[in-house]
Amino acid sequence: MKSFGHPIAASGVRMVAELTKQVLGKAEGLQVKDAEAGFAHNLGGPYSVATVAIVLKP
């Protein structure tokens, strides 16, 4: 995420978007073979907000 500047809130959205590409087999150049699930967690905010995302292959 640091390579994208780590913008507030957009980092979490980017992680879920990347997971979705992996699971759908559309992560050109970075594709993990036979990806069926993706997991991400994001922590931050002034009140210690935590988010967990699980993306599964349809």
PDB file of N, CA and C in Angstrom:
ATOM      1  N   MET A   1       0.815  -1.187   0.000  1.00  0.00           N
ATOM      2  CA  MET A   1       0.000   0.000   0.000  1.00  0.00           C
ATOM      3  C   MET A   1       0.867   1.263   0.000  1.00  0.00           C
ATOM      4  N   LYS A   2       2.056   1.168   0.554  1.00  0.00           N
ATOM      5  CA  LYS A   2       2.921   2.346   0.577  1.00  0.00           C
ATOM      6  C   LYS A   2       3.275   2.821  -0.824  1.00  0.00           C
ATOM      7  N   SER A   3       3.353   1.912  -1.782  1.00  0.00           N
ATOM      8  CA  SER A   3       3.692   2.315  -3.146  1.00  0.00           C
ATOM      9  C   SER A   3       2.576   3.136  -3.788  1.00  0.00           C
ATOM     10  N   PHE A   4       1.392   3.136  -3.196  1.00  0.00           N
ATOM     11  CA  PHE A   4       0.275   3.931  -3.706  1.00  0.00           C
ATOM     12  C   PHE A   4       0.020   5.163  -2.851  1.00  0.00           C
ATOM     13  N   GLY A   5       0.935   5.495  -1.942  1.00  0.00           N
ATOM     14  CA  GLY A   5       0.807   6.696  -1.137  1.00  0.00           C
ATOM     15  C   GLY A   5      -0.001   6.512   0.136  1.00  0.00           C
ATOM     16  N   HIS A   6      -0.602   5.357   0.340  1.00  0.00           N
ATOM     17  CA  HIS A   6      -1.381   5.023   1.525  1.00  0.00           C
ATOM     18  C   HIS A   6      -2.409   6.104   1.886  1.00  0.00           C
ATOM     19  N   PRO A   7      -3.313   6.440   0.949  1.00  0.00           N
ATOM     20  CA  PRO A   7      -4.331   7.448   1.251  1.00  0.00           C
ATOM     21  C   PRO A   7      -5.349   6.909   2.258  1.00  0.00           C
ATOM     22  N   ILE A   8      -5.815   7.787   3.116  1.00  0.00           N
ATOM     23  CA  ILE A   8      -6.794   7.408   4.141  1.00  0.00           C
ATOM     24  C   ILE A   8      -8.034   6.815   3.466  1.00  0.00           C
ATOM     25  N   ALA A   9      -8.540   5.728   3.991  1.00  0.00           N
ATOM     26  CA  ALA A   9      -9.738   5.003   3.538  1.00  0.00           C
ATOM     27  C   ALA A   9      -9.539   4.303   2.200  1.00  0.00           C
ATOM     28  N   ALA A  10      -8.875   4.920   1.252  1.00  0.00           N
ATOM     29  CA  ALA A  10      -8.697   4.315  -0.062  1.00  0.00           C
ATOM     30  C   ALA A  10      -7.805   3.073   0.006  1.00  0.00           C
ATOM     31  N   SER A  11      -6.943   2.978   1.001  1.00  0.00           N
ATOM     32  CA  SER A  11      -6.066   1.813   1.126  1.00  0.00           C
ATOM     33  C   SER A  11      -6.873   0.541   1.332  1.00  0.00           C
ATOM     34  N   GLY A  12      -7.872   0.596   2.194  1.00  0.00           N
ATOM     35  CA  GLY A  12      -8.722  -0.561   2.439  1.00  0.00           C
ATOM     36  C   GLY A  12      -9.511  -0.957   1.211  1.00  0.00           C
ATOM     37  N   VAL A  13     -10.013   0.026   0.496  1.00  0.00           N
ATOM     38  CA  VAL A  13     -10.762  -0.239  -0.730  1.00  0.00           C
ATOM     39  C   VAL A  13      -9.836  -0.885  -1.759  1.00  0.00           C
ATOM     40  N   ARG A  14      -8.623  -0.397  -1.856  1.00  0.00           N
ATOM     41  CA  ARG A  14      -7.655  -0.958  -2.807  1.00  0.00           C
ATOM     42  C   ARG A  14      -7.341  -2.418  -2.474  1.00  0.00           C
ATOM     43  N   MET A  15      -7.187  -2.740  -1.194  1.00  0.00           N
ATOM     44  CA  MET A  15      -6.900  -4.117  -0.805  1.00  0.00           C
ATOM     45  C   MET A  15      -8.024  -5.057  -1.235  1.00  0.00           C
ATOM     46  N   VAL A  16      -9.266  -4.652  -1.015  1.00  0.00           N
ATOM     47  CA  VAL A  16     -10.405  -5.486  -1.398  1.00  0.00           C
ATOM     48  C   VAL A  16     -10.483  -5.608  -2.919  1.00  0.00           C
ATOM     49  N   ALA A  17     -10.188  -4.533  -3.636  1.00  0.00           N
ATOM     50  CA  ALA A  17     -10.197  -4.581  -5.100  1.00  0.00           C
ATOM     51  C   ALA A  17      -9.135  -5.555  -5.609  1.00  0.00           C
ATOM     52  N   GLU A  18      -7.945  -5.531  -5.020  1.00  0.00           N
ATOM     53  CA  GLU A  18      -6.880  -6.444  -5.427  1.00  0.00           C
ATOM     54  C   GLU A  18      -7.246  -7.886  -5.103  1.00  0.00           C
ATOM     55  N   LEU A  19      -7.843  -8.121  -3.946  1.00  0.00           N
ATOM     56  CA  LEU A  19      -8.281  -9.477  -3.600  1.00  0.00           C
ATOM     57  C   LEU A  19      -9.301  -9.992  -4.602  1.00  0.00           C
ATOM     58  N   THR A  20     -10.232  -9.133  -4.969  1.00  0.00           N
ATOM     59  CA  THR A  20     -11.275  -9.519  -5.917  1.00  0.00           C
ATOM     60  C   THR A  20     -10.664  -9.896  -7.260  1.00  0.00           C
ATOM     61  N   LYS A  21      -9.696  -9.108  -7.733  1.00  0.00           N
ATOM     62  CA  LYS A  21      -9.020  -9.435  -8.994  1.00  0.00           C
ATOM     63  C   LYS A  21      -8.339 -10.797  -8.910  1.00  0.00           C
ATOM     64  N   GLN A  22      -7.684 -11.077  -7.796  1.00  0.00           N
ATOM     65  CA  GLN A  22      -7.004 -12.355  -7.624  1.00  0.00           C
ATOM     66  C   GLN A  22      -7.988 -13.516  -7.690  1.00  0.00           C
ATOM     67  N   VAL A  23      -9.068 -13.405  -6.943  1.00  0.00           N
ATOM     68  CA  VAL A  23     -10.042 -14.497  -6.866  1.00  0.00           C
ATOM     69  C   VAL A  23     -10.745 -14.713  -8.214  1.00  0.00           C
ATOM     70  N   LEU A  24     -10.951 -13.644  -8.961  1.00  0.00           N
ATOM     71  CA  LEU A  24     -11.596 -13.762 -10.268  1.00  0.00           C
ATOM     72  C   LEU A  24     -10.616 -14.144 -11.380  1.00  0.00           C
ATOM     73  N   GLY A  25      -9.316 -14.194 -11.047  1.00  0.00           N
ATOM     74  CA  GLY A  25      -8.317 -14.570 -12.044  1.00  0.00           C
ATOM     75  C   GLY A  25      -7.973 -13.458 -13.009  1.00  0.00           C
ATOM     76  N   LYS A  26      -8.140 -12.200 -12.587  1.00  0.00           N
ATOM     77  CA  LYS A  26      -7.904 -11.057 -13.467  1.00  0.00           C
ATOM     78  C   LYS A  26      -6.763 -10.151 -13.001  1.00  0.00           C
ATOM     79  N   ALA A  27      -5.875 -10.660 -12.169  1.00  0.00           N
ATOM     80  CA  ALA A  27      -4.755  -9.862 -11.658  1.00  0.00           C
ATOM     81  C   ALA A  27      -3.551 -10.042 -12.575  1.00  0.00           C
ATOM     82  N   GLU A  28      -3.632  -9.465 -13.745  1.00  0.00           N
ATOM     83  CA  GLU A  28      -2.599  -9.625 -14.768  1.00  0.00           C
ATOM     84  C   GLU A  28      -1.213  -9.259 -14.240  1.00  0.00           C
ATOM     85  N   GLY A  29      -0.266 -10.146 -14.446  1.00  0.00           N
ATOM     86  CA  GLY A  29       1.106  -9.909 -14.026  1.00  0.00           C
ATOM     87  C   GLY A  29       1.378 -10.229 -12.571  1.00  0.00           C
ATOM     88  N   LEU A  30       0.343 -10.306 -11.756  1.00  0.00           N
ATOM     89  CA  LEU A  30       0.505 -10.587 -10.327  1.00  0.00           C
ATOM     90  C   LEU A  30      -0.351 -11.764  -9.873  1.00  0.00           C
ATOM     91  N   GLN A  31      -0.935 -12.469 -10.812  1.00  0.00           N
ATOM     92  CA  GLN A  31      -1.914 -13.501 -10.489  1.00  0.00           C
ATOM     93  C   GLN A  31      -1.309 -14.655  -9.701  1.00  0.00           C
ATOM     94  N   VAL A  32      -1.977 -15.027  -8.619  1.00  0.00           N
ATOM     95  CA  VAL A  32      -1.642 -16.216  -7.850  1.00  0.00           C
ATOM     96  C   VAL A  32      -2.412 -17.375  -8.473  1.00  0.00           C
ATOM     97  N   LYS A  33      -1.726 -18.447  -8.807  1.00  0.00           N
ATOM     98  CA  LYS A  33      -2.357 -19.578  -9.476  1.00  0.00           C
ATOM     99  C   LYS A  33      -3.456 -20.196  -8.604  1.00  0.00           C
ATOM    100  N   ASP A  34      -4.624 -20.389  -9.196  1.00  0.00           N
ATOM    101  CA  ASP A  34      -5.765 -21.061  -8.560  1.00  0.00           C
ATOM    102  C   ASP A  34      -6.217 -20.402  -7.254  1.00  0.00           C
ATOM    103  N   ALA A  35      -6.178 -19.097  -7.178  1.00  0.00           N
ATOM    104  CA  ALA A  35      -6.636 -18.393  -5.970  1.00  0.00           C
ATOM    105  C   ALA A  35      -8.137 -18.610  -5.783  1.00  0.00           C
ATOM    106  N   GLU A  36      -8.536 -19.042  -4.605  1.00  0.00           N
ATOM    107  CA  GLU A  36      -9.943 -19.287  -4.308  1.00  0.00           C
ATOM    108  C   GLU A  36     -10.479 -18.391  -3.205  1.00  0.00           C
ATOM    109  N   ALA A  37      -9.588 -17.825  -2.408  1.00  0.00           N
ATOM    110  CA  ALA A  37     -10.014 -16.957  -1.312  1.00  0.00           C
ATOM    111  C   ALA A  37      -8.942 -15.910  -1.046  1.00  0.00           C
ATOM    112  N   GLY A  38      -9.373 -14.769  -0.541  1.00  0.00           N
ATOM    113  CA  GLY A  38      -8.451 -13.709  -0.161  1.00  0.00           C
ATOM    114  C   GLY A  38      -8.874 -13.110   1.165  1.00  0.00           C
ATOM    115  N   PHE A  39      -7.913 -12.759   1.988  1.00  0.00           N
ATOM    116  CA  PHE A  39      -8.187 -12.201   3.300  1.00  0.00           C
ATOM    117  C   PHE A  39      -7.377 -10.916   3.473  1.00  0.00           C
ATOM    118  N   ALA A  40      -7.975  -9.894   4.047  1.00  0.00           N
ATOM    119  CA  ALA A  40      -7.264  -8.640   4.298  1.00  0.00           C
ATOM    120  C   ALA A  40      -7.759  -8.045   5.608  1.00  0.00           C
ATOM    121  N   HIS A  41      -6.882  -7.332   6.273  1.00  0.00           N
ATOM    122  CA  HIS A  41      -7.309  -6.572   7.452  1.00  0.00           C
ATOM    123  C   HIS A  41      -6.722  -5.171   7.338  1.00  0.00           C
ATOM    124  N   ASN A  42      -7.442  -4.226   7.879  1.00  0.00           N
ATOM    125  CA  ASN A  42      -7.028  -2.833   7.809  1.00  0.00           C
ATOM    126  C   ASN A  42      -7.282  -2.206   9.170  1.00  0.00           C
ATOM    127  N   LEU A  43      -6.290  -1.543   9.706  1.00  0.00           N
ATOM    128  CA  LEU A  43      -6.397  -0.888  11.007  1.00  0.00           C
ATOM    129  C   LEU A  43      -6.086   0.588  10.840  1.00  0.00           C
ATOM    130  N   GLY A  44      -6.749   1.426  11.618  1.00  0.00           N
ATOM    131  CA  GLY A  44      -6.419   2.840  11.553  1.00  0.00           C
ATOM    132  C   GLY A  44      -7.527   3.720  12.068  1.00  0.00           C
ATOM    133  N   GLY A  45      -7.363   4.992  11.808  1.00  0.00           N
ATOM    134  CA  GLY A  45      -8.345   5.975  12.247  1.00  0.00           C
ATOM    135  C   GLY A  45      -8.055   6.469  13.646  1.00  0.00           C
ATOM    136  N   PRO A  46      -8.615   7.612  13.976  1.00  0.00           N
ATOM    137  CA  PRO A  46      -8.369   8.183  15.299  1.00  0.00           C
ATOM    138  C   PRO A  46      -9.025   7.386  16.427  1.00  0.00           C
ATOM    139  N   TYR A  47      -9.951   6.494  16.090  1.00  0.00           N
ATOM    140  CA  TYR A  47     -10.648   5.709  17.109  1.00  0.00           C
ATOM    141  C   TYR A  47     -10.326   4.219  16.994  1.00  0.00           C
ATOM    142  N   SER A  48      -9.198   3.881  16.376  1.00  0.00           N
ATOM    143  CA  SER A  48      -8.747   2.503  16.213  1.00  0.00           C
ATOM    144  C   SER A  48      -9.797   1.609  15.558  1.00  0.00           C
ATOM    145  N   VAL A  49     -10.162   1.948  14.343  1.00  0.00           N
ATOM    146  CA  VAL A  49     -11.127   1.186  13.570  1.00  0.00           C
ATOM    147  C   VAL A  49     -10.423  -0.024  12.957  1.00  0.00           C
ATOM    148  N   ALA A  50     -11.085  -1.185  12.989  1.00  0.00           N
ATOM    149  CA  ALA A  50     -10.535  -2.399  12.390  1.00  0.00           C
ATOM    150  C   ALA A  50     -11.554  -2.961  11.413  1.00  0.00           C
ATOM    151  N   THR A  51     -11.057  -3.405  10.254  1.00  0.00           N
ATOM    152  CA  THR A  51     -11.917  -4.015   9.240  1.00  0.00           C
ATOM    153  C   THR A  51     -11.261  -5.303   8.765  1.00  0.00           C
ATOM    154  N   VAL A  52     -12.067  -6.337   8.606  1.00  0.00           N
ATOM    155  CA  VAL A  52     -11.590  -7.605   8.050  1.00  0.00           C
ATOM    156  C   VAL A  52     -12.428  -7.894   6.817  1.00  0.00           C
ATOM    157  N   ALA A  53     -11.771  -8.233   5.710  1.00  0.00           N
ATOM    158  CA  ALA A  53     -12.468  -8.565   4.470  1.00  0.00           C
ATOM    159  C   ALA A  53     -12.082  -9.979   4.043  1.00  0.00           C
ATOM    160  N   ILE A  54     -13.093 -10.749   3.652  1.00  0.00           N
ATOM    161  CA  ILE A  54     -12.875 -12.093   3.132  1.00  0.00           C
ATOM    162  C   ILE A  54     -13.561 -12.140   1.770  1.00  0.00           C
ATOM    163  N   VAL A  55     -12.787 -12.459   0.740  1.00  0.00           N
ATOM    164  CA  VAL A  55     -13.320 -12.542  -0.619  1.00  0.00           C
ATOM    165  C   VAL A  55     -13.182 -13.995  -1.069  1.00  0.00           C
ATOM    166  N   LEU A  56     -14.309 -14.593  -1.475  1.00  0.00           N
ATOM    167  CA  LEU A  56     -14.323 -15.992  -1.898  1.00  0.00           C
ATOM    168  C   LEU A  56     -14.665 -16.099  -3.371  1.00  0.00           C
ATOM    169  N   LYS A  57     -14.158 -17.139  -4.007  1.00  0.00           N
ATOM    170  CA  LYS A  57     -14.448 -17.393  -5.417  1.00  0.00           C
ATOM    171  C   LYS A  57     -15.931 -17.756  -5.570  1.00  0.00           C
ATOM    172  N   PRO A  58     -16.619 -17.134  -6.545  1.00  0.00           N
ATOM    173  CA  PRO A  58     -18.040 -17.436  -6.716  1.00  0.00           C
ATOM    174  C   PRO A  58     -18.269 -18.857  -7.206  1.00  0.00           C
TER     175      PRO A  58
END
